Amino acid sequence: MLKGAILRKTINANDWYKVFYEYIPEKSDIIIEKTIELNENEFDDLYNSFLEDRKYITENKDKMWKDEKGWHMLAITNKARDTVICIDSENFDYNRCCSILKKHDFEWIYRRRCNCKGCDKKLDCIHKDAFRRMPREIGGLGLCPKLKDNTDPCMEKRV
């Protein structure tokens, strides 16, 4: 299970880190409902300003909530950055609650995305259960057929 400090209404990533290191909040369970890969400009814009309305948040409000299992969130990433921003809008159009993680701590989401168990392509896949199937950003070779043909249902690319 992924765990992260969820902070509410921080202005930007620098503010999030300041609050995090000042108060060292307890970590909560995070369940990623969808991963969205932004281009560098969009990612940097989010990183520097959490409180602006964003179309991809509005379009995915149904994928963010909190229950007894934990926080169900969107994971926002970019290939060139080593940071993942997990967000919950609390039904608003902006990043109201978030956790910031390093990509190496976030590797499990890629394992979920490139999970061979239950994959309809695994019978013919020569990369089944091999690390080389994983995305390049975490050290794999990006050879998973779901990554190659963009049929991964958990990933949305906004490039």
Protein backbone atom coordinates (compact mmCIF):
# COMPACT_ATOMS: atom_id res chain seq x y z
CA MET A 1 0.00 0.00 0.00
CA LEU A 2 1.26 3.44 -0.93
CA LYS A 3 1.52 5.87 1.98
CA GLY A 4 1.98 9.60 1.90
CA ALA A 5 1.41 12.77 3.92
CA ILE A 6 -1.80 14.41 2.71
CA LEU A 7 -1.75 18.18 3.17
CA ARG A 8 -4.71 20.44 2.53
CA LYS A 9 -4.77 23.82 0.77
CA THR A 10 -1.04 24.30 0.31
CA ILE A 11 -0.25 26.99 -2.25
CA ASN A 12 2.39 25.10 -4.23
CA ALA A 13 4.99 22.34 -3.86
CA ASN A 14 7.42 24.57 -1.95
CA ASP A 15 4.67 25.42 0.54
CA TRP A 16 3.78 21.71 0.80
CA TYR A 17 7.41 20.84 1.67
CA LYS A 18 7.60 23.69 4.18
CA VAL A 19 4.46 22.50 6.00
CA PHE A 20 5.57 18.86 5.75
CA TYR A 21 8.98 19.47 7.34
CA GLU A 22 7.58 21.87 9.95
CA TYR A 23 4.82 19.56 11.21
CA ILE A 24 5.83 16.10 9.94
CA PRO A 25 2.22 14.91 9.50
CA GLU A 26 1.12 11.30 9.81
CA LYS A 27 1.09 9.34 6.56
CA SER A 28 -2.17 8.05 5.11
CA ASP A 29 -3.03 5.27 2.69
CA ILE A 30 -3.24 6.40 -0.94
CA ILE A 31 -5.03 4.50 -3.69
CA ILE A 32 -4.29 5.78 -7.18
CA GLU A 33 -7.41 5.74 -9.33
CA LYS A 34 -5.81 7.29 -12.41
CA THR A 35 -2.39 8.49 -13.53
CA ILE A 36 -2.13 11.57 -15.74
CA GLU A 37 1.14 12.39 -17.45
CA LEU A 38 1.47 16.09 -18.17
CA ASN A 39 3.96 17.82 -20.45
CA GLU A 40 6.75 19.70 -18.66
CA ASN A 41 5.07 23.11 -18.81
CA GLU A 42 1.75 21.83 -17.41
CA PHE A 43 3.51 19.87 -14.68
CA ASP A 44 5.66 22.84 -13.66
CA ASP A 45 2.56 25.05 -13.66
CA LEU A 46 0.80 22.65 -11.26
CA TYR A 47 3.95 22.28 -9.14
CA ASN A 48 4.13 26.06 -8.73
CA SER A 49 0.41 26.74 -8.25
CA PHE A 50 -1.91 24.18 -6.65
CA LEU A 51 -4.91 26.47 -6.21
CA GLU A 52 -5.78 27.09 -9.86
CA ASP A 53 -8.66 25.36 -11.62
CA ARG A 54 -7.47 22.66 -14.03
CA LYS A 55 -9.47 20.92 -16.74
CA TYR A 56 -7.98 17.46 -16.04
CA ILE A 57 -9.08 17.78 -12.40
CA THR A 58 -12.60 18.81 -13.39
CA GLU A 59 -12.83 15.88 -15.82
CA ASN A 60 -11.73 13.37 -13.16
CA LYS A 61 -13.64 14.45 -10.03
CA ASP A 62 -15.27 11.02 -9.89
CA LYS A 63 -11.85 9.41 -9.32
CA MET A 64 -11.07 11.31 -6.10
CA TRP A 65 -12.58 10.61 -2.67
CA LYS A 66 -11.74 9.46 0.83
CA ASP A 67 -13.16 6.35 2.54
CA GLU A 68 -12.17 3.74 5.13
CA LYS A 69 -9.55 2.31 2.72
CA GLY A 70 -7.77 5.65 2.34
CA TRP A 71 -7.49 8.55 -0.08
CA HIS A 72 -8.45 7.75 -3.68
CA MET A 73 -6.42 10.17 -5.78
CA LEU A 74 -5.12 11.18 -9.17
CA ALA A 75 -1.38 10.79 -9.69
CA ILE A 76 0.12 13.58 -11.77
CA THR A 77 3.51 12.90 -13.30
CA ASN A 78 5.96 13.95 -16.01
CA LYS A 79 8.73 11.88 -17.59
CA ALA A 80 11.40 14.52 -16.99
CA ARG A 81 10.57 15.10 -13.31
CA ASP A 82 11.34 12.80 -10.38
CA THR A 83 8.20 13.90 -8.52
CA VAL A 84 4.64 12.56 -8.50
CA ILE A 85 1.85 14.77 -7.17
CA CYS A 86 -1.12 12.79 -5.82
CA ILE A 87 -4.22 14.97 -5.62
CA ASP A 88 -7.78 15.04 -4.32
CA SER A 89 -9.91 18.00 -5.34
CA GLU A 90 -12.63 17.41 -2.70
CA ASN A 91 -15.05 17.99 -5.60
CA PHE A 92 -13.53 21.35 -6.53
CA ASP A 93 -11.71 22.07 -9.80
CA TYR A 94 -8.29 22.53 -8.23
CA ASN A 95 -5.78 20.60 -6.14
CA ARG A 96 -7.22 20.89 -2.64
CA CYS A 97 -5.44 18.00 -0.88
CA CYS A 98 -2.22 16.44 -2.05
CA SER A 99 0.79 14.31 -1.34
CA ILE A 100 4.14 14.67 -3.08
CA LEU A 101 6.16 11.54 -3.66
CA LYS A 102 9.41 10.71 -5.41
CA LYS A 103 9.08 8.47 -8.47
CA HIS A 104 11.23 5.72 -6.97
CA ASP A 105 8.71 5.51 -4.09
CA PHE A 106 5.94 5.39 -6.66
CA GLU A 107 7.24 2.39 -8.61
CA TRP A 108 4.30 0.22 -7.53
CA ILE A 109 1.91 2.18 -9.77
CA TYR A 110 3.96 1.14 -12.75
CA ARG A 111 3.82 -2.43 -11.56
CA ARG A 112 0.04 -2.08 -11.48
CA ARG A 113 0.04 -0.52 -14.94
CA CYS A 114 2.32 -3.19 -16.38
CA ASN A 115 0.79 -5.99 -14.36
CA CYS A 116 0.91 -9.27 -16.28
CA LYS A 117 -1.73 -10.89 -14.08
CA GLY A 118 -5.03 -10.72 -15.93
CA CYS A 119 -3.48 -9.03 -18.99
CA ASP A 120 -5.15 -10.07 -22.24
CA LYS A 121 -1.79 -9.79 -24.06
CA LYS A 122 0.28 -11.97 -21.71
CA LEU A 123 -0.06 -15.23 -23.68
CA ASP A 124 1.95 -13.84 -26.59
CA CYS A 125 4.16 -11.45 -24.60
CA ILE A 126 7.87 -12.28 -24.48
CA HIS A 127 8.32 -9.63 -21.75
CA LYS A 128 5.84 -11.23 -19.32
CA ASP A 129 6.93 -10.74 -15.67
CA ALA A 130 10.31 -9.27 -16.72
CA PHE A 131 11.45 -5.88 -15.37
CA ARG A 132 12.27 -4.78 -18.92
CA ARG A 133 8.52 -4.37 -19.49
CA MET A 134 8.46 -1.42 -17.05
CA PRO A 135 8.63 2.24 -18.19
CA ARG A 136 12.00 3.83 -18.87
CA GLU A 137 11.47 6.47 -16.19
CA ILE A 138 11.94 3.83 -13.49
CA GLY A 139 14.75 1.92 -15.18
CA GLY A 140 12.83 -0.51 -17.41
CA LEU A 141 12.94 -0.59 -21.18
CA GLY A 142 9.26 0.30 -21.71
CA LEU A 143 8.52 -2.96 -23.53
CA CYS A 144 5.10 -3.72 -22.03
CA PRO A 145 2.62 -3.96 -24.93
CA LYS A 146 0.13 -1.81 -22.95
CA LEU A 147 2.71 0.97 -22.80
CA LYS A 148 3.63 0.63 -26.44
CA ASP A 149 0.11 0.82 -27.87
CA ASN A 150 -1.37 3.14 -25.19
CA THR A 151 -4.09 0.66 -24.18
CA ASP A 152 -3.29 1.01 -20.49
CA PRO A 153 -6.62 2.05 -18.93
CA CYS A 154 -4.94 3.66 -15.88
CA MET A 155 -2.82 6.13 -17.83
CA GLU A 156 -3.80 9.34 -19.59
CA LYS A 157 -1.17 11.31 -21.47
CA ARG A 158 -1.60 15.03 -22.01
CA VAL A 159 1.36 15.93 -24.20
